[in-house]
Amino acid sequence: MDFDIELAKKQSADNPVYYVQYAHARIASIMRLAAQKGIDYQQGDVSLLTSEPELTLIRKLILLPEIVEIIAHSLEPHHLTYYAQDLATVFHKFYMVCRVVSEDEALTRARLKLVEAPR
């Protein structure tokens, strides 16, 4: 096993740990903003999520049970870290294209429900 100590110290997208943590920090920031605005997203209608970035994120999220099953059968936990990196990548792309908290209240609630899922 090779461990790059310099890469582990970097706070950039090159460092997989930092990259996943940054996705979580973005999610937490979005959810804090929604809470400050008093937005209740529990009844968000996810059928409104039809754009490609939204659907790509949903597709990635629904793979988790399959990943867990693979890990359980193969006893290879590294699949979970790869999944977390892939999920962070998909989330960052979604974030760059889709404004979560917007003037469209119904879409905001739906997107907040989506953003809560990978947290």
PDB file of N, CA and C in Angstrom:
ATOM      1  N   MET A   1       0.847  -1.175   0.000  1.00  0.00           N
ATOM      2  CA  MET A   1       0.000   0.000   0.000  1.00  0.00           C
ATOM      3  C   MET A   1       0.888   1.231   0.000  1.00  0.00           C
ATOM      4  N   ASP A   2       0.570   2.154  -0.895  1.00  0.00           N
ATOM      5  CA  ASP A   2       1.287   3.423  -0.969  1.00  0.00           C
ATOM      6  C   ASP A   2       0.432   4.495  -0.312  1.00  0.00           C
ATOM      7  N   PHE A   3       1.059   5.289   0.553  1.00  0.00           N
ATOM      8  CA  PHE A   3       0.354   6.380   1.212  1.00  0.00           C
ATOM      9  C   PHE A   3       1.113   7.659   0.946  1.00  0.00           C
ATOM     10  N   ASP A   4       0.457   8.599   0.300  1.00  0.00           N
ATOM     11  CA  ASP A   4       1.074   9.873  -0.053  1.00  0.00           C
ATOM     12  C   ASP A   4       0.746  10.891   1.040  1.00  0.00           C
ATOM     13  N   ILE A   5       1.679  11.129   1.946  1.00  0.00           N
ATOM     14  CA  ILE A   5       1.461  12.022   3.078  1.00  0.00           C
ATOM     15  C   ILE A   5       1.223  13.460   2.616  1.00  0.00           C
ATOM     16  N   GLU A   6       1.893  13.869   1.546  1.00  0.00           N
ATOM     17  CA  GLU A   6       1.706  15.233   1.029  1.00  0.00           C
ATOM     18  C   GLU A   6       0.290  15.413   0.479  1.00  0.00           C
ATOM     19  N   LEU A   7      -0.214  14.411  -0.214  1.00  0.00           N
ATOM     20  CA  LEU A   7      -1.587  14.467  -0.721  1.00  0.00           C
ATOM     21  C   LEU A   7      -2.583  14.482   0.431  1.00  0.00           C
ATOM     22  N   ALA A   8      -2.315  13.728   1.467  1.00  0.00           N
ATOM     23  CA  ALA A   8      -3.213  13.676   2.624  1.00  0.00           C
ATOM     24  C   ALA A   8      -3.294  15.025   3.338  1.00  0.00           C
ATOM     25  N   LYS A   9      -2.247  15.835   3.229  1.00  0.00           N
ATOM     26  CA  LYS A   9      -2.240  17.142   3.883  1.00  0.00           C
ATOM     27  C   LYS A   9      -2.909  18.226   3.043  1.00  0.00           C
ATOM     28  N   LYS A  10      -3.076  17.967   1.747  1.00  0.00           N
ATOM     29  CA  LYS A  10      -3.645  18.976   0.855  1.00  0.00           C
ATOM     30  C   LYS A  10      -5.127  19.186   1.131  1.00  0.00           C
ATOM     31  N   GLN A  11      -5.550  20.423   1.074  1.00  0.00           N
ATOM     32  CA  GLN A  11      -6.968  20.755   1.179  1.00  0.00           C
ATOM     33  C   GLN A  11      -7.448  21.173  -0.201  1.00  0.00           C
ATOM     34  N   SER A  12      -7.503  20.176  -1.084  1.00  0.00           N
ATOM     35  CA  SER A  12      -7.937  20.432  -2.458  1.00  0.00           C
ATOM     36  C   SER A  12      -8.694  19.215  -2.961  1.00  0.00           C
ATOM     37  N   ALA A  13      -9.251  19.351  -4.148  1.00  0.00           N
ATOM     38  CA  ALA A  13     -10.004  18.252  -4.755  1.00  0.00           C
ATOM     39  C   ALA A  13      -9.115  17.044  -5.056  1.00  0.00           C
ATOM     40  N   ASP A  14      -7.800  17.229  -5.038  1.00  0.00           N
ATOM     41  CA  ASP A  14      -6.882  16.109  -5.255  1.00  0.00           C
ATOM     42  C   ASP A  14      -6.904  15.132  -4.086  1.00  0.00           C
ATOM     43  N   ASN A  15      -7.221  15.631  -2.896  1.00  0.00           N
ATOM     44  CA  ASN A  15      -7.261  14.816  -1.691  1.00  0.00           C
ATOM     45  C   ASN A  15      -8.674  14.232  -1.559  1.00  0.00           C
ATOM     46  N   PRO A  16      -8.831  12.918  -1.706  1.00  0.00           N
ATOM     47  CA  PRO A  16     -10.169  12.323  -1.673  1.00  0.00           C
ATOM     48  C   PRO A  16     -10.922  12.571  -0.368  1.00  0.00           C
ATOM     49  N   VAL A  17     -10.228  12.567   0.751  1.00  0.00           N
ATOM     50  CA  VAL A  17     -10.891  12.798   2.038  1.00  0.00           C
ATOM     51  C   VAL A  17     -11.436  14.225   2.085  1.00  0.00           C
ATOM     52  N   TYR A  18     -10.619  15.186   1.715  1.00  0.00           N
ATOM     53  CA  TYR A  18     -11.048  16.579   1.714  1.00  0.00           C
ATOM     54  C   TYR A  18     -12.209  16.776   0.742  1.00  0.00           C
ATOM     55  N   TYR A  19     -12.149  16.121  -0.410  1.00  0.00           N
ATOM     56  CA  TYR A  19     -13.171  16.258  -1.439  1.00  0.00           C
ATOM     57  C   TYR A  19     -14.537  15.784  -0.926  1.00  0.00           C
ATOM     58  N   VAL A  20     -14.555  14.656  -0.238  1.00  0.00           N
ATOM     59  CA  VAL A  20     -15.803  14.132   0.333  1.00  0.00           C
ATOM     60  C   VAL A  20     -16.271  15.027   1.475  1.00  0.00           C
ATOM     61  N   GLN A  21     -15.354  15.473   2.316  1.00  0.00           N
ATOM     62  CA  GLN A  21     -15.716  16.373   3.416  1.00  0.00           C
ATOM     63  C   GLN A  21     -16.276  17.690   2.887  1.00  0.00           C
ATOM     64  N   TYR A  22     -15.742  18.173   1.796  1.00  0.00           N
ATOM     65  CA  TYR A  22     -16.212  19.422   1.202  1.00  0.00           C
ATOM     66  C   TYR A  22     -17.648  19.270   0.700  1.00  0.00           C
ATOM     67  N   ALA A  23     -17.968  18.112   0.124  1.00  0.00           N
ATOM     68  CA  ALA A  23     -19.348  17.855  -0.307  1.00  0.00           C
ATOM     69  C   ALA A  23     -20.279  17.897   0.898  1.00  0.00           C
ATOM     70  N   HIS A  24     -19.867  17.275   1.988  1.00  0.00           N
ATOM     71  CA  HIS A  24     -20.692  17.280   3.206  1.00  0.00           C
ATOM     72  C   HIS A  24     -20.849  18.702   3.747  1.00  0.00           C
ATOM     73  N   ALA A  25     -19.783  19.474   3.710  1.00  0.00           N
ATOM     74  CA  ALA A  25     -19.851  20.857   4.197  1.00  0.00           C
ATOM     75  C   ALA A  25     -20.815  21.686   3.345  1.00  0.00           C
ATOM     76  N   ARG A  26     -20.804  21.455   2.041  1.00  0.00           N
ATOM     77  CA  ARG A  26     -21.751  22.160   1.165  1.00  0.00           C
ATOM     78  C   ARG A  26     -23.183  21.792   1.520  1.00  0.00           C
ATOM     79  N   ILE A  27     -23.409  20.507   1.735  1.00  0.00           N
ATOM     80  CA  ILE A  27     -24.749  20.044   2.099  1.00  0.00           C
ATOM     81  C   ILE A  27     -25.183  20.690   3.407  1.00  0.00           C
ATOM     82  N   ALA A  28     -24.307  20.681   4.399  1.00  0.00           N
ATOM     83  CA  ALA A  28     -24.638  21.268   5.698  1.00  0.00           C
ATOM     84  C   ALA A  28     -24.952  22.751   5.557  1.00  0.00           C
ATOM     85  N   SER A  29     -24.216  23.443   4.716  1.00  0.00           N
ATOM     86  CA  SER A  29     -24.439  24.866   4.496  1.00  0.00           C
ATOM     87  C   SER A  29     -25.809  25.113   3.853  1.00  0.00           C
ATOM     88  N   ILE A  30     -26.157  24.311   2.871  1.00  0.00           N
ATOM     89  CA  ILE A  30     -27.461  24.436   2.207  1.00  0.00           C
ATOM     90  C   ILE A  30     -28.583  24.178   3.201  1.00  0.00           C
ATOM     91  N   MET A  31     -28.426  23.140   4.018  1.00  0.00           N
ATOM     92  CA  MET A  31     -29.474  22.788   4.979  1.00  0.00           C
ATOM     93  C   MET A  31     -29.603  23.856   6.073  1.00  0.00           C
ATOM     94  N   ARG A  32     -28.481  24.469   6.452  1.00  0.00           N
ATOM     95  CA  ARG A  32     -28.521  25.571   7.424  1.00  0.00           C
ATOM     96  C   ARG A  32     -29.289  26.766   6.853  1.00  0.00           C
ATOM     97  N   LEU A  33     -29.021  27.086   5.604  1.00  0.00           N
ATOM     98  CA  LEU A  33     -29.720  28.189   4.944  1.00  0.00           C
ATOM     99  C   LEU A  33     -31.219  27.914   4.901  1.00  0.00           C
ATOM    100  N   ALA A  34     -31.595  26.701   4.556  1.00  0.00           N
ATOM    101  CA  ALA A  34     -33.010  26.329   4.500  1.00  0.00           C
ATOM    102  C   ALA A  34     -33.652  26.449   5.879  1.00  0.00           C
ATOM    103  N   ALA A  35     -32.939  26.017   6.906  1.00  0.00           N
ATOM    104  CA  ALA A  35     -33.465  26.112   8.274  1.00  0.00           C
ATOM    105  C   ALA A  35     -33.632  27.570   8.687  1.00  0.00           C
ATOM    106  N   GLN A  36     -32.664  28.410   8.338  1.00  0.00           N
ATOM    107  CA  GLN A  36     -32.748  29.836   8.659  1.00  0.00           C
ATOM    108  C   GLN A  36     -33.951  30.484   7.979  1.00  0.00           C
ATOM    109  N   LYS A  37     -34.271  30.006   6.788  1.00  0.00           N
ATOM    110  CA  LYS A  37     -35.411  30.553   6.053  1.00  0.00           C
ATOM    111  C   LYS A  37     -36.720  29.875   6.442  1.00  0.00           C
ATOM    112  N   GLY A  38     -36.636  28.886   7.338  1.00  0.00           N
ATOM    113  CA  GLY A  38     -37.834  28.195   7.811  1.00  0.00           C
ATOM    114  C   GLY A  38     -38.495  27.320   6.764  1.00  0.00           C
ATOM    115  N   ILE A  39     -37.717  26.771   5.865  1.00  0.00           N
ATOM    116  CA  ILE A  39     -38.268  25.941   4.789  1.00  0.00           C
ATOM    117  C   ILE A  39     -38.441  24.506   5.285  1.00  0.00           C
ATOM    118  N   ASP A  40     -39.662  24.008   5.209  1.00  0.00           N
ATOM    119  CA  ASP A  40     -39.955  22.622   5.567  1.00  0.00           C
ATOM    120  C   ASP A  40     -39.996  21.810   4.276  1.00  0.00           C
ATOM    121  N   TYR A  41     -39.022  20.954   4.099  1.00  0.00           N
ATOM    122  CA  TYR A  41     -38.904  20.196   2.855  1.00  0.00           C
ATOM    123  C   TYR A  41     -39.398  18.760   2.983  1.00  0.00           C
ATOM    124  N   GLN A  42     -39.883  18.380   4.146  1.00  0.00           N
ATOM    125  CA  GLN A  42     -40.291  16.987   4.376  1.00  0.00           C
ATOM    126  C   GLN A  42     -41.334  16.498   3.374  1.00  0.00           C
ATOM    127  N   GLN A  43     -42.208  17.386   2.935  1.00  0.00           N
ATOM    128  CA  GLN A  43     -43.242  17.007   1.971  1.00  0.00           C
ATOM    129  C   GLN A  43     -42.854  17.390   0.544  1.00  0.00           C
ATOM    130  N   GLY A  44     -41.564  17.567   0.317  1.00  0.00           N
ATOM    131  CA  GLY A  44     -41.103  17.927  -1.028  1.00  0.00           C
ATOM    132  C   GLY A  44     -41.483  16.860  -2.040  1.00  0.00           C
ATOM    133  N   ASP A  45     -41.906  17.301  -3.208  1.00  0.00           N
ATOM    134  CA  ASP A  45     -42.348  16.399  -4.276  1.00  0.00           C
ATOM    135  C   ASP A  45     -41.164  16.091  -5.187  1.00  0.00           C
ATOM    136  N   VAL A  46     -40.561  14.941  -4.988  1.00  0.00           N
ATOM    137  CA  VAL A  46     -39.365  14.589  -5.752  1.00  0.00           C
ATOM    138  C   VAL A  46     -39.665  14.299  -7.226  1.00  0.00           C
ATOM    139  N   SER A  47     -40.936  14.187  -7.582  1.00  0.00           N
ATOM    140  CA  SER A  47     -41.261  13.994  -9.004  1.00  0.00           C
ATOM    141  C   SER A  47     -40.928  15.252  -9.815  1.00  0.00           C
ATOM    142  N   LEU A  48     -40.675  16.373  -9.136  1.00  0.00           N
ATOM    143  CA  LEU A  48     -40.270  17.606  -9.820  1.00  0.00           C
ATOM    144  C   LEU A  48     -38.808  17.567 -10.250  1.00  0.00           C
ATOM    145  N   LEU A  49     -38.069  16.594  -9.760  1.00  0.00           N
ATOM    146  CA  LEU A  49     -36.636  16.504 -10.060  1.00  0.00           C
ATOM    147  C   LEU A  49     -36.455  15.760 -11.382  1.00  0.00           C
ATOM    148  N   THR A  50     -36.297  16.519 -12.448  1.00  0.00           N
ATOM    149  CA  THR A  50     -36.232  15.910 -13.778  1.00  0.00           C
ATOM    150  C   THR A  50     -34.997  16.312 -14.580  1.00  0.00           C
ATOM    151  N   SER A  51     -34.202  17.244 -14.072  1.00  0.00           N
ATOM    152  CA  SER A  51     -33.012  17.657 -14.828  1.00  0.00           C
ATOM    153  C   SER A  51     -31.954  16.555 -14.742  1.00  0.00           C
ATOM    154  N   GLU A  52     -31.059  16.559 -15.686  1.00  0.00           N
ATOM    155  CA  GLU A  52     -30.032  15.514 -15.730  1.00  0.00           C
ATOM    156  C   GLU A  52     -29.151  15.485 -14.478  1.00  0.00           C
ATOM    157  N   PRO A  53     -28.688  16.640 -13.959  1.00  0.00           N
ATOM    158  CA  PRO A  53     -27.884  16.580 -12.732  1.00  0.00           C
ATOM    159  C   PRO A  53     -28.663  15.982 -11.546  1.00  0.00           C
ATOM    160  N   GLU A  54     -29.943  16.319 -11.443  1.00  0.00           N
ATOM    161  CA  GLU A  54     -30.767  15.764 -10.362  1.00  0.00           C
ATOM    162  C   GLU A  54     -30.904  14.253 -10.511  1.00  0.00           C
ATOM    163  N   LEU A  55     -31.200  13.812 -11.735  1.00  0.00           N
ATOM    164  CA  LEU A  55     -31.388  12.377 -11.976  1.00  0.00           C
ATOM    165  C   LEU A  55     -30.084  11.602 -11.804  1.00  0.00           C
ATOM    166  N   THR A  56     -28.979  12.203 -12.190  1.00  0.00           N
ATOM    167  CA  THR A  56     -27.680  11.544 -12.012  1.00  0.00           C
ATOM    168  C   THR A  56     -27.391  11.351 -10.528  1.00  0.00           C
ATOM    169  N   LEU A  57     -27.695  12.361  -9.721  1.00  0.00           N
ATOM    170  CA  LEU A  57     -27.498  12.238  -8.275  1.00  0.00           C
ATOM    171  C   LEU A  57     -28.414  11.161  -7.693  1.00  0.00           C
ATOM    172  N   ILE A  58     -29.642  11.133  -8.118  1.00  0.00           N
ATOM    173  CA  ILE A  58     -30.578  10.108  -7.642  1.00  0.00           C
ATOM    174  C   ILE A  58     -30.074   8.720  -8.015  1.00  0.00           C
ATOM    175  N   ARG A  59     -29.635   8.563  -9.259  1.00  0.00           N
ATOM    176  CA  ARG A  59     -29.117   7.251  -9.698  1.00  0.00           C
ATOM    177  C   ARG A  59     -27.925   6.798  -8.849  1.00  0.00           C
ATOM    178  N   LYS A  60     -27.072   7.748  -8.517  1.00  0.00           N
ATOM    179  CA  LYS A  60     -25.903   7.401  -7.689  1.00  0.00           C
ATOM    180  C   LYS A  60     -26.347   7.019  -6.290  1.00  0.00           C
ATOM    181  N   LEU A  61     -27.312   7.733  -5.740  1.00  0.00           N
ATOM    182  CA  LEU A  61     -27.790   7.449  -4.383  1.00  0.00           C
ATOM    183  C   LEU A  61     -28.416   6.057  -4.271  1.00  0.00           C
ATOM    184  N   ILE A  62     -29.158   5.650  -5.280  1.00  0.00           N
ATOM    185  CA  ILE A  62     -29.836   4.355  -5.178  1.00  0.00           C
ATOM    186  C   ILE A  62     -28.887   3.171  -5.339  1.00  0.00           C
ATOM    187  N   LEU A  63     -27.637   3.428  -5.642  1.00  0.00           N
ATOM    188  CA  LEU A  63     -26.647   2.355  -5.727  1.00  0.00           C
ATOM    189  C   LEU A  63     -26.127   1.914  -4.356  1.00  0.00           C
ATOM    190  N   LEU A  64     -26.363   2.704  -3.315  1.00  0.00           N
ATOM    191  CA  LEU A  64     -25.776   2.400  -2.009  1.00  0.00           C
ATOM    192  C   LEU A  64     -26.116   1.001  -1.496  1.00  0.00           C
ATOM    193  N   PRO A  65     -27.375   0.547  -1.532  1.00  0.00           N
ATOM    194  CA  PRO A  65     -27.646  -0.811  -1.038  1.00  0.00           C
ATOM    195  C   PRO A  65     -26.854  -1.885  -1.797  1.00  0.00           C
ATOM    196  N   GLU A  66     -26.700  -1.688  -3.095  1.00  0.00           N
ATOM    197  CA  GLU A  66     -25.925  -2.643  -3.894  1.00  0.00           C
ATOM    198  C   GLU A  66     -24.452  -2.623  -3.476  1.00  0.00           C
ATOM    199  N   ILE A  67     -23.919  -1.441  -3.232  1.00  0.00           N
ATOM    200  CA  ILE A  67     -22.525  -1.312  -2.788  1.00  0.00           C
ATOM    201  C   ILE A  67     -22.335  -2.007  -1.446  1.00  0.00           C
ATOM    202  N   VAL A  68     -23.265  -1.796  -0.528  1.00  0.00           N
ATOM    203  CA  VAL A  68     -23.180  -2.437   0.791  1.00  0.00           C
ATOM    204  C   VAL A  68     -23.229  -3.959   0.645  1.00  0.00           C
ATOM    205  N   GLU A  69     -24.077  -4.444  -0.241  1.00  0.00           N
ATOM    206  CA  GLU A  69     -24.164  -5.897  -0.459  1.00  0.00           C
ATOM    207  C   GLU A  69     -22.854  -6.443  -1.026  1.00  0.00           C
ATOM    208  N   ILE A  70     -22.274  -5.730  -1.971  1.00  0.00           N
ATOM    209  CA  ILE A  70     -20.983  -6.150  -2.540  1.00  0.00           C
ATOM    210  C   ILE A  70     -19.924  -6.208  -1.443  1.00  0.00           C
ATOM    211  N   ILE A  71     -19.894  -5.190  -0.596  1.00  0.00           N
ATOM    212  CA  ILE A  71     -18.927  -5.138   0.499  1.00  0.00           C
ATOM    213  C   ILE A  71     -19.133  -6.310   1.453  1.00  0.00           C
ATOM    214  N   ALA A  72     -20.382  -6.583   1.784  1.00  0.00           N
ATOM    215  CA  ALA A  72     -20.684  -7.664   2.725  1.00  0.00           C
ATOM    216  C   ALA A  72     -20.261  -9.018   2.181  1.00  0.00           C
ATOM    217  N   HIS A  73     -20.460  -9.230   0.893  1.00  0.00           N
ATOM    218  CA  HIS A  73     -20.111 -10.533   0.302  1.00  0.00           C
ATOM    219  C   HIS A  73     -18.627 -10.674   0.002  1.00  0.00           C
ATOM    220  N   SER A  74     -18.013  -9.585  -0.415  1.00  0.00           N
ATOM    221  CA  SER A  74     -16.610  -9.662  -0.827  1.00  0.00           C
ATOM    222  C   SER A  74     -15.641  -9.334   0.304  1.00  0.00           C
ATOM    223  N   LEU A  75     -16.157  -8.727   1.381  1.00  0.00           N
ATOM    224  CA  LEU A  75     -15.311  -8.268   2.489  1.00  0.00           C
ATOM    225  C   LEU A  75     -14.230  -7.308   1.991  1.00  0.00           C
ATOM    226  N   GLU A  76     -14.636  -6.434   1.070  1.00  0.00           N
ATOM    227  CA  GLU A  76     -13.734  -5.437   0.489  1.00  0.00           C
ATOM    228  C   GLU A  76     -14.313  -4.048   0.755  1.00  0.00           C
ATOM    229  N   PRO A  77     -14.002  -3.468   1.911  1.00  0.00           N
ATOM    230  CA  PRO A  77     -14.627  -2.197   2.298  1.00  0.00           C
ATOM    231  C   PRO A  77     -14.204  -0.994   1.454  1.00  0.00           C
ATOM    232  N   HIS A  78     -13.155  -1.137   0.663  1.00  0.00           N
ATOM    233  CA  HIS A  78     -12.716  -0.004  -0.153  1.00  0.00           C
ATOM    234  C   HIS A  78     -13.787   0.451  -1.142  1.00  0.00           C
ATOM    235  N   HIS A  79     -14.735  -0.428  -1.458  1.00  0.00           N
ATOM    236  CA  HIS A  79     -15.815  -0.038  -2.375  1.00  0.00           C
ATOM    237  C   HIS A  79     -16.621   1.130  -1.811  1.00  0.00           C
ATOM    238  N   LEU A  80     -16.735   1.200  -0.499  1.00  0.00           N
ATOM    239  CA  LEU A  80     -17.491   2.290   0.123  1.00  0.00           C
ATOM    240  C   LEU A  80     -16.766   3.624  -0.035  1.00  0.00           C
ATOM    241  N   THR A  81     -15.453   3.618   0.092  1.00  0.00           N
ATOM    242  CA  THR A  81     -14.717   4.874  -0.086  1.00  0.00           C
ATOM    243  C   THR A  81     -14.771   5.339  -1.538  1.00  0.00           C
ATOM    244  N   TYR A  82     -14.701   4.396  -2.475  1.00  0.00           N
ATOM    245  CA  TYR A  82     -14.821   4.767  -3.884  1.00  0.00           C
ATOM    246  C   TYR A  82     -16.211   5.329  -4.171  1.00  0.00           C
ATOM    247  N   TYR A  83     -17.220   4.698  -3.579  1.00  0.00           N
ATOM    248  CA  TYR A  83     -18.593   5.185  -3.745  1.00  0.00           C
ATOM    249  C   TYR A  83     -18.719   6.601  -3.176  1.00  0.00           C
ATOM    250  N   ALA A  84     -18.154   6.852  -2.010  1.00  0.00           N
ATOM    251  CA  ALA A  84     -18.228   8.186  -1.400  1.00  0.00           C
ATOM    252  C   ALA A  84     -17.577   9.230  -2.298  1.00  0.00           C
ATOM    253  N   GLN A  85     -16.448   8.894  -2.897  1.00  0.00           N
ATOM    254  CA  GLN A  85     -15.780   9.815  -3.820  1.00  0.00           C
ATOM    255  C   GLN A  85     -16.652  10.074  -5.050  1.00  0.00           C
ATOM    256  N   ASP A  86     -17.210   9.007  -5.617  1.00  0.00           N
ATOM    257  CA  ASP A  86     -18.072   9.164  -6.792  1.00  0.00           C
ATOM    258  C   ASP A  86     -19.309   9.992  -6.458  1.00  0.00           C
ATOM    259  N   LEU A  87     -19.905   9.728  -5.296  1.00  0.00           N
ATOM    260  CA  LEU A  87     -21.079  10.474  -4.867  1.00  0.00           C
ATOM    261  C   LEU A  87     -20.741  11.950  -4.680  1.00  0.00           C
ATOM    262  N   ALA A  88     -19.592  12.236  -4.091  1.00  0.00           N
ATOM    263  CA  ALA A  88     -19.165  13.626  -3.913  1.00  0.00           C
ATOM    264  C   ALA A  88     -18.994  14.312  -5.265  1.00  0.00           C
ATOM    265  N   THR A  89     -18.428  13.622  -6.228  1.00  0.00           N
ATOM    266  CA  THR A  89     -18.251  14.176  -7.572  1.00  0.00           C
ATOM    267  C   THR A  89     -19.600  14.515  -8.200  1.00  0.00           C
ATOM    268  N   VAL A  90     -20.530  13.582  -8.109  1.00  0.00           N
ATOM    269  CA  VAL A  90     -21.861  13.796  -8.679  1.00  0.00           C
ATOM    270  C   VAL A  90     -22.564  14.940  -7.952  1.00  0.00           C
ATOM    271  N   PHE A  91     -22.411  14.989  -6.621  1.00  0.00           N
ATOM    272  CA  PHE A  91     -23.048  16.069  -5.869  1.00  0.00           C
ATOM    273  C   PHE A  91     -22.483  17.423  -6.261  1.00  0.00           C
ATOM    274  N   HIS A  92     -21.167  17.531  -6.375  1.00  0.00           N
ATOM    275  CA  HIS A  92     -20.547  18.807  -6.740  1.00  0.00           C
ATOM    276  C   HIS A  92     -21.044  19.272  -8.118  1.00  0.00           C
ATOM    277  N   LYS A  93     -21.177  18.341  -9.054  1.00  0.00           N
ATOM    278  CA  LYS A  93     -21.690  18.706 -10.384  1.00  0.00           C
ATOM    279  C   LYS A  93     -23.136  19.190 -10.283  1.00  0.00           C
ATOM    280  N   PHE A  94     -23.945  18.496  -9.495  1.00  0.00           N
ATOM    281  CA  PHE A  94     -25.329  18.910  -9.261  1.00  0.00           C
ATOM    282  C   PHE A  94     -25.351  20.321  -8.673  1.00  0.00           C
ATOM    283  N   TYR A  95     -24.530  20.551  -7.670  1.00  0.00           N
ATOM    284  CA  TYR A  95     -24.479  21.836  -6.965  1.00  0.00           C
ATOM    285  C   TYR A  95     -24.127  22.979  -7.915  1.00  0.00           C
ATOM    286  N   MET A  96     -23.225  22.730  -8.841  1.00  0.00           N
ATOM    287  CA  MET A  96     -22.773  23.778  -9.757  1.00  0.00           C
ATOM    288  C   MET A  96     -23.866  24.173 -10.756  1.00  0.00           C
ATOM    289  N   VAL A  97     -24.789  23.259 -11.048  1.00  0.00           N
ATOM    290  CA  VAL A  97     -25.804  23.502 -12.073  1.00  0.00           C
ATOM    291  C   VAL A  97     -27.164  23.876 -11.481  1.00  0.00           C
ATOM    292  N   CYS A  98     -27.506  23.288 -10.351  1.00  0.00           N
ATOM    293  CA  CYS A  98     -28.851  23.436  -9.785  1.00  0.00           C
ATOM    294  C   CYS A  98     -28.841  24.295  -8.522  1.00  0.00           C
ATOM    295  N   ARG A  99     -29.513  25.400  -8.574  1.00  0.00           N
ATOM    296  CA  ARG A  99     -29.668  26.229  -7.371  1.00  0.00           C
ATOM    297  C   ARG A  99     -30.697  25.554  -6.486  1.00  0.00           C
ATOM    298  N   VAL A 100     -30.320  25.204  -5.272  1.00  0.00           N
ATOM    299  CA  VAL A 100     -31.207  24.444  -4.394  1.00  0.00           C
ATOM    300  C   VAL A 100     -32.269  25.347  -3.785  1.00  0.00           C
ATOM    301  N   VAL A 101     -31.867  26.387  -3.086  1.00  0.00           N
ATOM    302  CA  VAL A 101     -32.812  27.306  -2.460  1.00  0.00           C
ATOM    303  C   VAL A 101     -33.046  28.449  -3.447  1.00  0.00           C
ATOM    304  N   SER A 102     -34.271  28.480  -3.993  1.00  0.00           N
ATOM    305  CA  SER A 102     -34.587  29.460  -5.021  1.00  0.00           C
ATOM    306  C   SER A 102     -35.967  30.062  -4.783  1.00  0.00           C
ATOM    307  N   GLU A 103     -36.428  30.848  -5.732  1.00  0.00           N
ATOM    308  CA  GLU A 103     -37.750  31.470  -5.647  1.00  0.00           C
ATOM    309  C   GLU A 103     -38.866  30.445  -5.845  1.00  0.00           C
ATOM    310  N   ASP A 104     -38.559  29.344  -6.529  1.00  0.00           N
ATOM    311  CA  ASP A 104     -39.545  28.286  -6.781  1.00  0.00           C
ATOM    312  C   ASP A 104     -39.636  27.409  -5.530  1.00  0.00           C
ATOM    313  N   GLU A 105     -40.660  27.644  -4.723  1.00  0.00           N
ATOM    314  CA  GLU A 105     -40.775  26.965  -3.427  1.00  0.00           C
ATOM    315  C   GLU A 105     -40.905  25.454  -3.563  1.00  0.00           C
ATOM    316  N   ALA A 106     -41.709  24.998  -4.519  1.00  0.00           N
ATOM    317  CA  ALA A 106     -41.912  23.560  -4.695  1.00  0.00           C
ATOM    318  C   ALA A 106     -40.611  22.883  -5.110  1.00  0.00           C
ATOM    319  N   LEU A 107     -39.894  23.485  -6.047  1.00  0.00           N
ATOM    320  CA  LEU A 107     -38.622  22.913  -6.496  1.00  0.00           C
ATOM    321  C   LEU A 107     -37.577  22.984  -5.387  1.00  0.00           C
ATOM    322  N   THR A 108     -37.595  24.056  -4.622  1.00  0.00           N
ATOM    323  CA  THR A 108     -36.676  24.186  -3.484  1.00  0.00           C
ATOM    324  C   THR A 108     -36.891  23.029  -2.509  1.00  0.00           C
ATOM    325  N   ARG A 109     -38.142  22.759  -2.150  1.00  0.00           N
ATOM    326  CA  ARG A 109     -38.426  21.666  -1.207  1.00  0.00           C
ATOM    327  C   ARG A 109     -37.986  20.317  -1.788  1.00  0.00           C
ATOM    328  N   ALA A 110     -38.231  20.105  -3.064  1.00  0.00           N
ATOM    329  CA  ALA A 110     -37.824  18.847  -3.701  1.00  0.00           C
ATOM    330  C   ALA A 110     -36.302  18.708  -3.702  1.00  0.00           C
ATOM    331  N   ARG A 111     -35.615  19.782  -4.050  1.00  0.00           N
ATOM    332  CA  ARG A 111     -34.148  19.720  -4.087  1.00  0.00           C
ATOM    333  C   ARG A 111     -33.553  19.585  -2.691  1.00  0.00           C
ATOM    334  N   LEU A 112     -34.168  20.201  -1.706  1.00  0.00           N
ATOM    335  CA  LEU A 112     -33.686  20.035  -0.329  1.00  0.00           C
ATOM    336  C   LEU A 112     -33.822  18.583   0.106  1.00  0.00           C
ATOM    337  N   LYS A 113     -34.900  17.970  -0.285  1.00  0.00           N
ATOM    338  CA  LYS A 113     -35.094  16.551   0.050  1.00  0.00           C
ATOM    339  C   LYS A 113     -33.993  15.720  -0.617  1.00  0.00           C
ATOM    340  N   LEU A 114     -33.665  16.069  -1.851  1.00  0.00           N
ATOM    341  CA  LEU A 114     -32.589  15.371  -2.562  1.00  0.00           C
ATOM    342  C   LEU A 114     -31.248  15.614  -1.896  1.00  0.00           C
ATOM    343  N   VAL A 115     -30.975  16.846  -1.500  1.00  0.00           N
ATOM    344  CA  VAL A 115     -29.691  17.196  -0.886  1.00  0.00           C
ATOM    345  C   VAL A 115     -29.526  16.509   0.476  1.00  0.00           C
ATOM    346  N   GLU A 116     -30.607  16.321   1.181  1.00  0.00           N
ATOM    347  CA  GLU A 116     -30.556  15.653   2.497  1.00  0.00           C
ATOM    348  C   GLU A 116     -30.112  14.194   2.359  1.00  0.00           C
ATOM    349  N   ALA A 117     -30.465  13.561   1.262  1.00  0.00           N
ATOM    350  CA  ALA A 117     -30.197  12.122   1.101  1.00  0.00           C
ATOM    351  C   ALA A 117     -28.719  11.748   1.185  1.00  0.00           C
ATOM    352  N   PRO A 118     -27.816  12.438   0.490  1.00  0.00           N
ATOM    353  CA  PRO A 118     -26.419  12.015   0.599  1.00  0.00           C
ATOM    354  C   PRO A 118     -25.722  12.420   1.893  1.00  0.00           C
ATOM    355  N   ARG A 119     -26.362  13.277   2.675  1.00  0.00           N
ATOM    356  CA  ARG A 119     -25.729  13.692   3.920  1.00  0.00           C
ATOM    357  C   ARG A 119     -25.498  12.476   4.787  1.00  0.00           C
TER     358      ARG A 119
END
